[in-house]
Amino acid sequence: MYPLITLGSAAIQTSMVAWIAALWVGAYLASRECQRGNIAGRGVVWNIVAIAVVLTVVGGRLAYAAQNPSTFSNPLQMVLPAPASLSLDAGVLFGVSAALAYIGWRKIPLARLLDALAPGALGALAIVAVGQWLSGDAYGTLSSLPWAMALGGESRHPVQLYDALGALVGWVVVGQIVRFYPFPDGSIATLASAWYSVTRLVVDAFRDESVPLSGGYRPTQVIALIVLLASLGIMARIIESEHTRGITGSVPERR
């Protein structure tokens, strides 16, 4: 495992490098799709990503400071980079809210934007999973398969690589669909969401870093199932809406 990348006397966490690379690749792919589909300029996508990331970090740090005021004896400590001192759920809420506000202000069609973001998001998730594999984050159940990884003196399922492979295949499949097949607005994003939900539903059965619920299912599998059902429901509504619109459009106007 390679939890740290050393550059001279400096060291940086591999997982952090993976997240930075994932954000860059995801934003680049999304900006290209937005420009190709005439949804928004490339700079707009980079602005959305920057706003989401900065507000996630700032909001997460402020929320953590509010919840743990004794942690920061000096107010200047709040600006120091310490990922462990973030309230991630509150930070994501801040970041997503700010990004949505910016999207609304620029009057960008949300469904079409999400469709453009979807392939890049799958590619970014694949990079994050590879970063987890390199750093040793997330580990699988015991395995005797030929491709099992040695971790802590035991052979385990390389769940990070399973996750990366599922996201990577999804990126290729969804990316090809975007290019060659006309789909209703919002359906590409729901397809990508459903794909990754199935990936996590299967892969997380081999994870071993969380306590399983009754029945042997992991909490992340329950979340993945909920997201999958929601994605399929939204997809059904989109298809039904398009079908109804097509029928309505085909009926001659009465005089």
C-alpha atoms as a PDB file:
ATOM      1  CA  MET A   1       0.000   0.000   0.000  1.00  0.00           C
ATOM      2  CA  TYR A   2       1.058   3.590  -0.619  1.00  0.00           C
ATOM      3  CA  PRO A   3      -0.795   5.822   1.869  1.00  0.00           C
ATOM      4  CA  LEU A   4       1.605   8.711   1.268  1.00  0.00           C
ATOM      5  CA  ILE A   5       3.276  10.174  -1.800  1.00  0.00           C
ATOM      6  CA  THR A   6       6.664  11.652  -0.912  1.00  0.00           C
ATOM      7  CA  LEU A   7       8.054  14.584  -2.851  1.00  0.00           C
ATOM      8  CA  GLY A   8      11.431  15.411  -1.376  1.00  0.00           C
ATOM      9  CA  SER A   9      10.815  16.333   2.237  1.00  0.00           C
ATOM     10  CA  ALA A  10       7.074  16.805   1.710  1.00  0.00           C
ATOM     11  CA  ALA A  11       4.440  14.087   1.902  1.00  0.00           C
ATOM     12  CA  ILE A  12       0.832  14.163   0.778  1.00  0.00           C
ATOM     13  CA  GLN A  13      -1.909  11.609   1.327  1.00  0.00           C
ATOM     14  CA  THR A  14      -2.557   9.386  -1.683  1.00  0.00           C
ATOM     15  CA  SER A  15      -6.300   9.617  -1.127  1.00  0.00           C
ATOM     16  CA  MET A  16      -6.127  13.410  -1.344  1.00  0.00           C
ATOM     17  CA  VAL A  17      -4.204  13.207  -4.628  1.00  0.00           C
ATOM     18  CA  ALA A  18      -6.835  10.793  -5.944  1.00  0.00           C
ATOM     19  CA  TRP A  19      -9.654  13.181  -4.978  1.00  0.00           C
ATOM     20  CA  ILE A  20      -7.914  16.106  -6.681  1.00  0.00           C
ATOM     21  CA  ALA A  21      -7.330  14.044  -9.828  1.00  0.00           C
ATOM     22  CA  ALA A  22     -10.936  12.799  -9.750  1.00  0.00           C
ATOM     23  CA  LEU A  23     -12.323  16.324  -9.508  1.00  0.00           C
ATOM     24  CA  TRP A  24     -10.121  17.507 -12.362  1.00  0.00           C
ATOM     25  CA  VAL A  25     -10.971  14.585 -14.657  1.00  0.00           C
ATOM     26  CA  GLY A  26     -14.682  14.760 -13.820  1.00  0.00           C
ATOM     27  CA  ALA A  27     -14.815  18.508 -14.441  1.00  0.00           C
ATOM     28  CA  TYR A  28     -12.859  18.193 -17.691  1.00  0.00           C
ATOM     29  CA  LEU A  29     -15.137  15.476 -19.082  1.00  0.00           C
ATOM     30  CA  ALA A  30     -18.259  17.331 -17.967  1.00  0.00           C
ATOM     31  CA  SER A  31     -17.090  20.635 -19.474  1.00  0.00           C
ATOM     32  CA  ARG A  32     -16.432  18.896 -22.770  1.00  0.00           C
ATOM     33  CA  GLU A  33     -19.920  17.343 -22.776  1.00  0.00           C
ATOM     34  CA  CYS A  34     -21.510  20.680 -21.886  1.00  0.00           C
ATOM     35  CA  GLN A  35     -19.745  22.383 -24.751  1.00  0.00           C
ATOM     36  CA  ARG A  36     -20.586  19.573 -27.181  1.00  0.00           C
ATOM     37  CA  GLY A  37     -24.262  19.663 -26.198  1.00  0.00           C
ATOM     38  CA  ASN A  38     -24.359  23.488 -26.193  1.00  0.00           C
ATOM     39  CA  ILE A  39     -25.507  23.399 -22.549  1.00  0.00           C
ATOM     40  CA  ALA A  40     -22.945  25.781 -21.066  1.00  0.00           C
ATOM     41  CA  GLY A  41     -19.416  27.011 -21.667  1.00  0.00           C
ATOM     42  CA  ARG A  42     -16.466  25.076 -20.299  1.00  0.00           C
ATOM     43  CA  GLY A  43     -15.722  27.802 -17.774  1.00  0.00           C
ATOM     44  CA  VAL A  44     -19.199  27.459 -16.262  1.00  0.00           C
ATOM     45  CA  VAL A  45     -18.593  23.811 -15.327  1.00  0.00           C
ATOM     46  CA  TRP A  46     -15.261  24.645 -13.713  1.00  0.00           C
ATOM     47  CA  ASN A  47     -17.007  27.424 -11.776  1.00  0.00           C
ATOM     48  CA  ILE A  48     -19.657  24.961 -10.550  1.00  0.00           C
ATOM     49  CA  VAL A  49     -16.996  22.498  -9.374  1.00  0.00           C
ATOM     50  CA  ALA A  50     -14.943  25.239  -7.710  1.00  0.00           C
ATOM     51  CA  ILE A  51     -17.970  26.644  -5.884  1.00  0.00           C
ATOM     52  CA  ALA A  52     -19.055  23.182  -4.714  1.00  0.00           C
ATOM     53  CA  VAL A  53     -15.575  22.207  -3.477  1.00  0.00           C
ATOM     54  CA  VAL A  54     -14.761  25.502  -1.744  1.00  0.00           C
ATOM     55  CA  LEU A  55     -18.154  25.785  -0.039  1.00  0.00           C
ATOM     56  CA  THR A  56     -18.020  22.122   0.998  1.00  0.00           C
ATOM     57  CA  VAL A  57     -14.678  22.680   2.736  1.00  0.00           C
ATOM     58  CA  VAL A  58     -15.628  26.040   4.259  1.00  0.00           C
ATOM     59  CA  GLY A  59     -19.089  24.893   5.313  1.00  0.00           C
ATOM     60  CA  GLY A  60     -17.737  21.636   6.692  1.00  0.00           C
ATOM     61  CA  ARG A  61     -15.079  23.426   8.727  1.00  0.00           C
ATOM     62  CA  LEU A  62     -17.532  25.994  10.116  1.00  0.00           C
ATOM     63  CA  ALA A  63     -20.010  23.268  11.038  1.00  0.00           C
ATOM     64  CA  TYR A  64     -17.272  21.246  12.745  1.00  0.00           C
ATOM     65  CA  ALA A  65     -16.111  24.326  14.652  1.00  0.00           C
ATOM     66  CA  ALA A  66     -19.679  25.017  15.782  1.00  0.00           C
ATOM     67  CA  GLN A  67     -20.060  21.417  16.969  1.00  0.00           C
ATOM     68  CA  ASN A  68     -16.596  21.260  18.599  1.00  0.00           C
ATOM     69  CA  PRO A  69     -15.672  24.787  19.714  1.00  0.00           C
ATOM     70  CA  SER A  70     -12.963  23.565  22.107  1.00  0.00           C
ATOM     71  CA  THR A  71     -10.988  22.068  19.202  1.00  0.00           C
ATOM     72  CA  PHE A  72      -9.913  25.477  17.916  1.00  0.00           C
ATOM     73  CA  SER A  73      -8.248  27.379  20.738  1.00  0.00           C
ATOM     74  CA  ASN A  74      -6.900  29.809  18.152  1.00  0.00           C
ATOM     75  CA  PRO A  75      -9.256  31.063  15.400  1.00  0.00           C
ATOM     76  CA  LEU A  76      -6.382  30.824  12.904  1.00  0.00           C
ATOM     77  CA  GLN A  77      -6.427  27.049  13.316  1.00  0.00           C
ATOM     78  CA  MET A  78      -9.690  26.987  11.361  1.00  0.00           C
ATOM     79  CA  VAL A  79      -7.877  27.838   8.112  1.00  0.00           C
ATOM     80  CA  LEU A  80      -5.254  25.091   8.432  1.00  0.00           C
ATOM     81  CA  PRO A  81      -5.792  22.052   6.153  1.00  0.00           C
ATOM     82  CA  ALA A  82      -7.045  19.226   8.368  1.00  0.00           C
ATOM     83  CA  PRO A  83      -9.517  16.940   6.561  1.00  0.00           C
ATOM     84  CA  ALA A  84     -10.357  15.151   9.809  1.00  0.00           C
ATOM     85  CA  SER A  85     -11.717  18.433  11.202  1.00  0.00           C
ATOM     86  CA  LEU A  86     -14.595  18.656   8.754  1.00  0.00           C
ATOM     87  CA  SER A  87     -18.277  17.936   9.167  1.00  0.00           C
ATOM     88  CA  LEU A  88     -18.639  16.308   5.755  1.00  0.00           C
ATOM     89  CA  ASP A  89     -22.433  15.991   5.708  1.00  0.00           C
ATOM     90  CA  ALA A  90     -22.925  19.672   6.541  1.00  0.00           C
ATOM     91  CA  GLY A  91     -20.149  20.636   4.118  1.00  0.00           C
ATOM     92  CA  VAL A  92     -21.741  18.737   1.241  1.00  0.00           C
ATOM     93  CA  LEU A  93     -25.063  20.422   2.010  1.00  0.00           C
ATOM     94  CA  PHE A  94     -23.372  23.837   1.828  1.00  0.00           C
ATOM     95  CA  GLY A  95     -21.482  22.963  -1.356  1.00  0.00           C
ATOM     96  CA  VAL A  96     -24.419  21.448  -3.241  1.00  0.00           C
ATOM     97  CA  SER A  97     -26.742  24.286  -2.221  1.00  0.00           C
ATOM     98  CA  ALA A  98     -24.263  26.885  -3.433  1.00  0.00           C
ATOM     99  CA  ALA A  99     -23.709  25.034  -6.722  1.00  0.00           C
ATOM    100  CA  LEU A 100     -27.475  24.763  -7.310  1.00  0.00           C
ATOM    101  CA  ALA A 101     -27.885  28.467  -6.570  1.00  0.00           C
ATOM    102  CA  TYR A 102     -25.186  29.274  -9.140  1.00  0.00           C
ATOM    103  CA  ILE A 103     -26.819  26.969 -11.714  1.00  0.00           C
ATOM    104  CA  GLY A 104     -30.168  28.674 -11.147  1.00  0.00           C
ATOM    105  CA  TRP A 105     -28.588  32.116 -11.399  1.00  0.00           C
ATOM    106  CA  ARG A 106     -26.979  31.209 -14.731  1.00  0.00           C
ATOM    107  CA  LYS A 107     -30.315  29.712 -15.892  1.00  0.00           C
ATOM    108  CA  ILE A 108     -28.672  26.425 -16.914  1.00  0.00           C
ATOM    109  CA  PRO A 109     -31.160  23.580 -17.572  1.00  0.00           C
ATOM    110  CA  LEU A 110     -30.531  21.289 -14.599  1.00  0.00           C
ATOM    111  CA  ALA A 111     -31.587  18.004 -16.221  1.00  0.00           C
ATOM    112  CA  ARG A 112     -29.343  18.521 -19.246  1.00  0.00           C
ATOM    113  CA  LEU A 113     -26.467  19.618 -17.014  1.00  0.00           C
ATOM    114  CA  LEU A 114     -26.786  16.486 -14.864  1.00  0.00           C
ATOM    115  CA  ASP A 115     -26.743  14.386 -18.040  1.00  0.00           C
ATOM    116  CA  ALA A 116     -23.479  16.057 -19.040  1.00  0.00           C
ATOM    117  CA  LEU A 117     -21.990  15.571 -15.560  1.00  0.00           C
ATOM    118  CA  ALA A 118     -22.938  11.882 -15.296  1.00  0.00           C
ATOM    119  CA  PRO A 119     -20.204  10.212 -17.429  1.00  0.00           C
ATOM    120  CA  GLY A 120     -17.466  12.327 -15.861  1.00  0.00           C
ATOM    121  CA  ALA A 121     -18.786  11.539 -12.380  1.00  0.00           C
ATOM    122  CA  LEU A 122     -18.429   7.802 -13.061  1.00  0.00           C
ATOM    123  CA  GLY A 123     -14.862   8.350 -14.266  1.00  0.00           C
ATOM    124  CA  ALA A 124     -14.119  10.389 -11.146  1.00  0.00           C
ATOM    125  CA  LEU A 125     -15.522   7.651  -8.884  1.00  0.00           C
ATOM    126  CA  ALA A 126     -13.226   5.125 -10.589  1.00  0.00           C
ATOM    127  CA  ILE A 127     -10.205   7.308  -9.781  1.00  0.00           C
ATOM    128  CA  VAL A 128     -11.292   7.699  -6.139  1.00  0.00           C
ATOM    129  CA  ALA A 129     -11.613   3.909  -5.850  1.00  0.00           C
ATOM    130  CA  VAL A 130      -8.097   3.419  -7.252  1.00  0.00           C
ATOM    131  CA  GLY A 131      -6.865   5.969  -4.709  1.00  0.00           C
ATOM    132  CA  GLN A 132      -8.475   3.911  -1.939  1.00  0.00           C
ATOM    133  CA  TRP A 133      -6.701   0.817  -3.254  1.00  0.00           C
ATOM    134  CA  LEU A 134      -3.326   2.576  -3.276  1.00  0.00           C
ATOM    135  CA  SER A 135      -3.777   4.058   0.194  1.00  0.00           C
ATOM    136  CA  GLY A 136      -5.272   0.925   1.766  1.00  0.00           C
ATOM    137  CA  ASP A 137      -8.601   2.556   2.570  1.00  0.00           C
ATOM    138  CA  ALA A 138     -11.620   0.232   2.506  1.00  0.00           C
ATOM    139  CA  TYR A 139     -10.910  -3.474   2.608  1.00  0.00           C
ATOM    140  CA  GLY A 140     -12.748  -6.595   1.587  1.00  0.00           C
ATOM    141  CA  THR A 141     -13.719  -9.837   3.244  1.00  0.00           C
ATOM    142  CA  LEU A 142     -11.328 -12.773   3.431  1.00  0.00           C
ATOM    143  CA  SER A 143     -10.767 -14.508   0.103  1.00  0.00           C
ATOM    144  CA  SER A 144      -8.754 -17.368  -1.370  1.00  0.00           C
ATOM    145  CA  LEU A 145      -9.223 -16.238  -4.984  1.00  0.00           C
ATOM    146  CA  PRO A 146      -6.093 -15.813  -7.141  1.00  0.00           C
ATOM    147  CA  TRP A 147      -6.543 -12.036  -7.330  1.00  0.00           C
ATOM    148  CA  ALA A 148      -7.014 -11.571  -3.579  1.00  0.00           C
ATOM    149  CA  MET A 149      -4.845  -8.877  -1.988  1.00  0.00           C
ATOM    150  CA  ALA A 150      -2.608  -9.320   1.022  1.00  0.00           C
ATOM    151  CA  LEU A 151      -3.620  -6.900   3.767  1.00  0.00           C
ATOM    152  CA  GLY A 152      -2.535  -7.221   7.375  1.00  0.00           C
ATOM    153  CA  GLY A 153      -1.199 -10.704   6.725  1.00  0.00           C
ATOM    154  CA  GLU A 154      -4.533 -11.906   5.283  1.00  0.00           C
ATOM    155  CA  SER A 155      -5.832 -12.297   1.739  1.00  0.00           C
ATOM    156  CA  ARG A 156      -8.899 -10.164   1.042  1.00  0.00           C
ATOM    157  CA  HIS A 157     -11.161  -9.192  -1.839  1.00  0.00           C
ATOM    158  CA  PRO A 158      -9.800  -6.065  -3.613  1.00  0.00           C
ATOM    159  CA  VAL A 159     -13.144  -4.286  -3.313  1.00  0.00           C
ATOM    160  CA  GLN A 160     -11.597  -0.976  -4.309  1.00  0.00           C
ATOM    161  CA  LEU A 161     -10.674  -2.428  -7.698  1.00  0.00           C
ATOM    162  CA  TYR A 162     -14.117  -4.012  -8.064  1.00  0.00           C
ATOM    163  CA  ASP A 163     -15.602  -0.583  -7.419  1.00  0.00           C
ATOM    164  CA  ALA A 164     -13.199   1.087  -9.869  1.00  0.00           C
ATOM    165  CA  LEU A 165     -13.953  -1.484 -12.573  1.00  0.00           C
ATOM    166  CA  GLY A 166     -17.719  -1.063 -12.188  1.00  0.00           C
ATOM    167  CA  ALA A 167     -17.475   2.734 -12.375  1.00  0.00           C
ATOM    168  CA  LEU A 168     -15.053   2.579 -15.319  1.00  0.00           C
ATOM    169  CA  VAL A 169     -17.288   0.253 -17.344  1.00  0.00           C
ATOM    170  CA  GLY A 170     -20.233   2.511 -16.500  1.00  0.00           C
ATOM    171  CA  TRP A 171     -18.298   5.537 -17.724  1.00  0.00           C
ATOM    172  CA  VAL A 172     -17.613   3.828 -21.066  1.00  0.00           C
ATOM    173  CA  VAL A 173     -21.189   2.558 -21.499  1.00  0.00           C
ATOM    174  CA  VAL A 174     -22.919   5.789 -20.463  1.00  0.00           C
ATOM    175  CA  GLY A 175     -20.427   7.854 -22.470  1.00  0.00           C
ATOM    176  CA  GLN A 176     -21.213   5.873 -25.620  1.00  0.00           C
ATOM    177  CA  ILE A 177     -24.954   6.211 -25.028  1.00  0.00           C
ATOM    178  CA  VAL A 178     -24.590   9.975 -24.693  1.00  0.00           C
ATOM    179  CA  ARG A 179     -22.787  10.192 -28.016  1.00  0.00           C
ATOM    180  CA  PHE A 180     -24.854   7.900 -30.203  1.00  0.00           C
ATOM    181  CA  TYR A 181     -28.387   7.691 -28.800  1.00  0.00           C
ATOM    182  CA  PRO A 182     -30.868  10.530 -28.204  1.00  0.00           C
ATOM    183  CA  PHE A 183     -32.353  10.167 -24.726  1.00  0.00           C
ATOM    184  CA  PRO A 184     -34.834  12.440 -22.905  1.00  0.00           C
ATOM    185  CA  ASP A 185     -33.325  15.083 -20.627  1.00  0.00           C
ATOM    186  CA  GLY A 186     -32.397  13.654 -17.226  1.00  0.00           C
ATOM    187  CA  SER A 187     -32.368  10.009 -18.301  1.00  0.00           C
ATOM    188  CA  ILE A 188     -28.567   9.776 -18.702  1.00  0.00           C
ATOM    189  CA  ALA A 189     -28.043  11.008 -15.138  1.00  0.00           C
ATOM    190  CA  THR A 190     -30.579   8.528 -13.755  1.00  0.00           C
ATOM    191  CA  LEU A 191     -28.980   5.725 -15.800  1.00  0.00           C
ATOM    192  CA  ALA A 192     -25.538   6.550 -14.382  1.00  0.00           C
ATOM    193  CA  SER A 193     -27.003   6.704 -10.872  1.00  0.00           C
ATOM    194  CA  ALA A 194     -28.688   3.324 -11.330  1.00  0.00           C
ATOM    195  CA  TRP A 195     -25.513   1.798 -12.770  1.00  0.00           C
ATOM    196  CA  TYR A 196     -23.329   2.877  -9.870  1.00  0.00           C
ATOM    197  CA  SER A 197     -25.987   1.860  -7.358  1.00  0.00           C
ATOM    198  CA  VAL A 198     -25.953  -1.673  -8.783  1.00  0.00           C
ATOM    199  CA  THR A 199     -22.151  -1.620  -8.633  1.00  0.00           C
ATOM    200  CA  ARG A 200     -22.166  -0.716  -4.953  1.00  0.00           C
ATOM    201  CA  LEU A 201     -24.993  -3.122  -4.210  1.00  0.00           C
ATOM    202  CA  VAL A 202     -22.857  -5.989  -5.539  1.00  0.00           C
ATOM    203  CA  VAL A 203     -19.373  -4.830  -4.504  1.00  0.00           C
ATOM    204  CA  ASP A 204     -20.287  -3.837  -0.953  1.00  0.00           C
ATOM    205  CA  ALA A 205     -21.328  -7.420  -0.244  1.00  0.00           C
ATOM    206  CA  PHE A 206     -17.578  -8.122  -0.178  1.00  0.00           C
ATOM    207  CA  ARG A 207     -16.623  -5.145   2.005  1.00  0.00           C
ATOM    208  CA  ASP A 208     -15.565  -5.783   5.573  1.00  0.00           C
ATOM    209  CA  GLU A 209     -14.958  -2.349   7.096  1.00  0.00           C
ATOM    210  CA  SER A 210     -18.544  -1.830   8.273  1.00  0.00           C
ATOM    211  CA  VAL A 211     -20.755  -3.823  10.624  1.00  0.00           C
ATOM    212  CA  PRO A 212     -23.499  -5.648   8.678  1.00  0.00           C
ATOM    213  CA  LEU A 213     -27.140  -5.157   9.529  1.00  0.00           C
ATOM    214  CA  SER A 214     -29.518  -7.967  10.353  1.00  0.00           C
ATOM    215  CA  GLY A 215     -29.631 -10.307   7.385  1.00  0.00           C
ATOM    216  CA  GLY A 216     -25.984  -9.680   6.553  1.00  0.00           C
ATOM    217  CA  TYR A 217     -26.528  -6.573   4.433  1.00  0.00           C
ATOM    218  CA  ARG A 218     -24.209  -3.580   4.745  1.00  0.00           C
ATOM    219  CA  PRO A 219     -25.636  -0.094   5.417  1.00  0.00           C
ATOM    220  CA  THR A 220     -24.167   1.106   2.118  1.00  0.00           C
ATOM    221  CA  GLN A 221     -26.043  -1.666   0.305  1.00  0.00           C
ATOM    222  CA  VAL A 222     -29.318  -0.429   1.777  1.00  0.00           C
ATOM    223  CA  ILE A 223     -28.489   3.108   0.621  1.00  0.00           C
ATOM    224  CA  ALA A 224     -27.523   1.810  -2.827  1.00  0.00           C
ATOM    225  CA  LEU A 225     -30.810  -0.079  -3.098  1.00  0.00           C
ATOM    226  CA  ILE A 226     -32.797   3.035  -2.165  1.00  0.00           C
ATOM    227  CA  VAL A 227     -30.909   5.114  -4.752  1.00  0.00           C
ATOM    228  CA  LEU A 228     -31.405   2.389  -7.364  1.00  0.00           C
ATOM    229  CA  LEU A 229     -35.156   2.236  -6.798  1.00  0.00           C
ATOM    230  CA  ALA A 230     -35.386   6.028  -6.851  1.00  0.00           C
ATOM    231  CA  SER A 231     -33.368   6.180 -10.094  1.00  0.00           C
ATOM    232  CA  LEU A 232     -35.567   3.555 -11.746  1.00  0.00           C
ATOM    233  CA  GLY A 233     -38.680   5.406 -10.585  1.00  0.00           C
ATOM    234  CA  ILE A 234     -37.420   8.679 -12.032  1.00  0.00           C
ATOM    235  CA  MET A 235     -36.454   6.930 -15.255  1.00  0.00           C
ATOM    236  CA  ALA A 236     -39.957   5.442 -15.535  1.00  0.00           C
ATOM    237  CA  ARG A 237     -41.504   8.889 -15.019  1.00  0.00           C
ATOM    238  CA  ILE A 238     -39.256  10.390 -17.704  1.00  0.00           C
ATOM    239  CA  ILE A 239     -40.147   7.648 -20.201  1.00  0.00           C
ATOM    240  CA  GLU A 240     -43.852   7.948 -19.371  1.00  0.00           C
ATOM    241  CA  SER A 241     -43.709  11.717 -19.790  1.00  0.00           C
ATOM    242  CA  GLU A 242     -41.993  11.402 -23.165  1.00  0.00           C
ATOM    243  CA  HIS A 243     -44.481   8.751 -24.269  1.00  0.00           C
ATOM    244  CA  THR A 244     -47.428  10.940 -23.249  1.00  0.00           C
ATOM    245  CA  ARG A 245     -45.913  13.923 -24.975  1.00  0.00           C
ATOM    246  CA  GLY A 246     -45.427  11.892 -28.157  1.00  0.00           C
ATOM    247  CA  ILE A 247     -49.037  10.689 -28.137  1.00  0.00           C
ATOM    248  CA  THR A 248     -50.337  14.193 -27.453  1.00  0.00           C
ATOM    249  CA  GLY A 249     -48.196  15.604 -30.215  1.00  0.00           C
ATOM    250  CA  SER A 250     -49.481  13.034 -32.697  1.00  0.00           C
ATOM    251  CA  VAL A 251     -53.172  13.805 -32.115  1.00  0.00           C
ATOM    252  CA  PRO A 252     -54.454  16.288 -34.712  1.00  0.00           C
ATOM    253  CA  GLU A 253     -55.771  19.510 -33.343  1.00  0.00           C
ATOM    254  CA  ARG A 254     -59.562  19.724 -33.347  1.00  0.00           C
ATOM    255  CA  ARG A 255     -61.231  22.664 -35.084  1.00  0.00           C
END
